Amino acid sequence: MMSYEKLDVYQCTIKFLSLAIEITNEMPRGQAPLADQLKRAAMSIPLSIAEGDGKRTRADCGRFFDIARGSAMECAAAIDVCRILSLVDEQKQQTTKLLLHRIVAMLTKLARPH
């Protein structure tokens, strides 16, 4: 097991990625740009965490955690857009936003310099 796989934040991002893919797979035709944006941002979160965890200096590590945090914030906005467009129901919006809130909180702490 890689060290990043042990992180709670990484596990949460994998769970969110699964939900995001489920949402994008259910989107109707004509929503490909939004689906692509959400999918790319959702994939960026765990990938940035893994890359950051592999860095040798705290500053480099924190920079990648900060990038992951930005991607999580982007996902939260994309979920809001999906809700406005009636592409997700209120329950799925709440579920994903709660998970993203938790992810952002953890990444905020991890990105801080020590």
Protein backbone atom coordinates (compact mmCIF):
# COMPACT_ATOMS: atom_id res chain seq x y z
CA MET A 1 0.00 0.00 0.00
CA MET A 2 1.32 3.44 -0.93
CA SER A 3 1.55 5.99 1.88
CA TYR A 4 -1.09 8.31 0.40
CA GLU A 5 -3.61 5.44 0.33
CA LYS A 6 -3.60 5.45 4.13
CA LEU A 7 -4.75 9.08 4.28
CA ASP A 8 -8.40 9.60 5.20
CA VAL A 9 -8.57 12.52 2.79
CA TYR A 10 -7.41 10.30 -0.07
CA GLN A 11 -10.06 7.70 0.73
CA CYS A 12 -12.72 10.43 0.80
CA THR A 13 -11.58 11.73 -2.58
CA ILE A 14 -11.84 8.27 -4.11
CA LYS A 15 -15.38 8.02 -2.77
CA PHE A 16 -16.20 11.44 -4.22
CA LEU A 17 -14.64 10.51 -7.57
CA SER A 18 -16.92 7.47 -7.72
CA LEU A 19 -19.97 9.69 -7.08
CA ALA A 20 -18.80 12.25 -9.64
CA ILE A 21 -18.39 9.57 -12.31
CA GLU A 22 -21.86 8.27 -11.47
CA ILE A 23 -23.25 11.79 -11.91
CA THR A 24 -21.44 12.41 -15.20
CA ASN A 25 -22.48 9.03 -16.61
CA GLU A 26 -26.13 9.95 -15.98
CA MET A 27 -25.91 13.34 -17.72
CA PRO A 28 -27.93 13.72 -20.91
CA ARG A 29 -26.50 14.66 -24.28
CA GLY A 30 -25.52 18.26 -24.54
CA GLN A 31 -23.84 18.30 -21.13
CA ALA A 32 -20.48 16.91 -22.25
CA PRO A 33 -18.50 20.08 -21.37
CA LEU A 34 -19.86 20.12 -17.80
CA ALA A 35 -19.40 16.37 -17.43
CA ASP A 36 -15.81 16.63 -18.64
CA GLN A 37 -15.07 19.56 -16.31
CA LEU A 38 -16.48 17.75 -13.27
CA LYS A 39 -14.74 14.50 -14.11
CA ARG A 40 -11.35 16.17 -14.67
CA ALA A 41 -11.59 18.21 -11.46
CA ALA A 42 -12.70 15.14 -9.47
CA MET A 43 -9.79 13.08 -10.83
CA SER A 44 -7.35 15.89 -10.07
CA ILE A 45 -8.03 15.72 -6.32
CA PRO A 46 -6.68 12.23 -5.52
CA LEU A 47 -3.95 12.54 -8.17
CA SER A 48 -2.67 15.78 -6.62
CA ILE A 49 -2.79 14.24 -3.13
CA ALA A 50 -0.73 11.27 -4.28
CA GLU A 51 1.79 13.51 -6.04
CA GLY A 52 2.04 15.82 -3.03
CA ASP A 53 2.54 12.93 -0.64
CA GLY A 54 5.50 11.84 -2.74
CA LYS A 55 7.31 15.17 -2.51
CA ARG A 56 10.33 15.48 -0.24
CA THR A 57 9.87 18.97 1.14
CA ARG A 58 6.95 20.21 3.20
CA ALA A 59 6.54 23.23 0.91
CA ASP A 60 6.27 21.06 -2.23
CA CYS A 61 3.87 18.72 -0.49
CA GLY A 62 1.70 21.61 0.69
CA ARG A 63 1.58 23.09 -2.79
CA PHE A 64 0.03 19.91 -4.20
CA PHE A 65 -2.42 19.65 -1.32
CA ASP A 66 -3.42 23.23 -2.10
CA ILE A 67 -3.94 22.31 -5.77
CA ALA A 68 -6.13 19.39 -4.65
CA ARG A 69 -8.10 21.79 -2.44
CA GLY A 70 -8.72 24.08 -5.40
CA SER A 71 -9.97 21.15 -7.47
CA ALA A 72 -12.33 20.14 -4.65
CA MET A 73 -13.71 23.68 -4.54
CA GLU A 74 -14.21 23.56 -8.31
CA CYS A 75 -16.11 20.28 -7.91
CA ALA A 76 -18.40 21.85 -5.31
CA ALA A 77 -19.28 24.64 -7.75
CA ALA A 78 -19.82 22.11 -10.55
CA ILE A 79 -22.22 20.15 -8.33
CA ASP A 80 -24.13 23.39 -7.69
CA VAL A 81 -24.34 23.95 -11.46
CA CYS A 82 -25.59 20.39 -11.90
CA ARG A 83 -28.32 21.03 -9.33
CA ILE A 84 -29.39 24.27 -11.03
CA LEU A 85 -29.61 22.39 -14.33
CA SER A 86 -31.61 19.59 -12.62
CA LEU A 87 -28.88 17.07 -13.41
CA VAL A 88 -28.66 15.88 -9.79
CA ASP A 89 -31.33 15.66 -7.16
CA GLU A 90 -31.13 17.52 -3.87
CA GLN A 91 -30.09 14.41 -1.93
CA LYS A 92 -27.12 13.67 -4.20
CA GLN A 93 -26.11 17.35 -4.12
CA GLN A 94 -26.14 17.32 -0.30
CA THR A 95 -24.23 14.03 -0.12
CA THR A 96 -21.50 15.18 -2.46
CA LYS A 97 -21.24 18.67 -0.94
CA LEU A 98 -20.88 17.24 2.60
CA LEU A 99 -18.10 14.96 1.39
CA LEU A 100 -16.40 17.84 -0.43
CA HIS A 101 -16.67 20.04 2.66
CA ARG A 102 -14.84 17.36 4.64
CA ILE A 103 -12.20 16.99 1.91
CA VAL A 104 -11.59 20.74 1.72
CA ALA A 105 -11.26 20.97 5.51
CA MET A 106 -8.67 18.19 5.60
CA LEU A 107 -6.73 19.60 2.64
CA THR A 108 -6.73 23.06 4.22
CA LYS A 109 -4.96 21.63 7.27
CA LEU A 110 -2.57 19.51 5.21
CA ALA A 111 -1.58 22.45 2.98
CA ARG A 112 -0.56 24.65 5.92
CA PRO A 113 3.17 25.04 6.43
CA HIS A 114 4.40 23.55 9.71
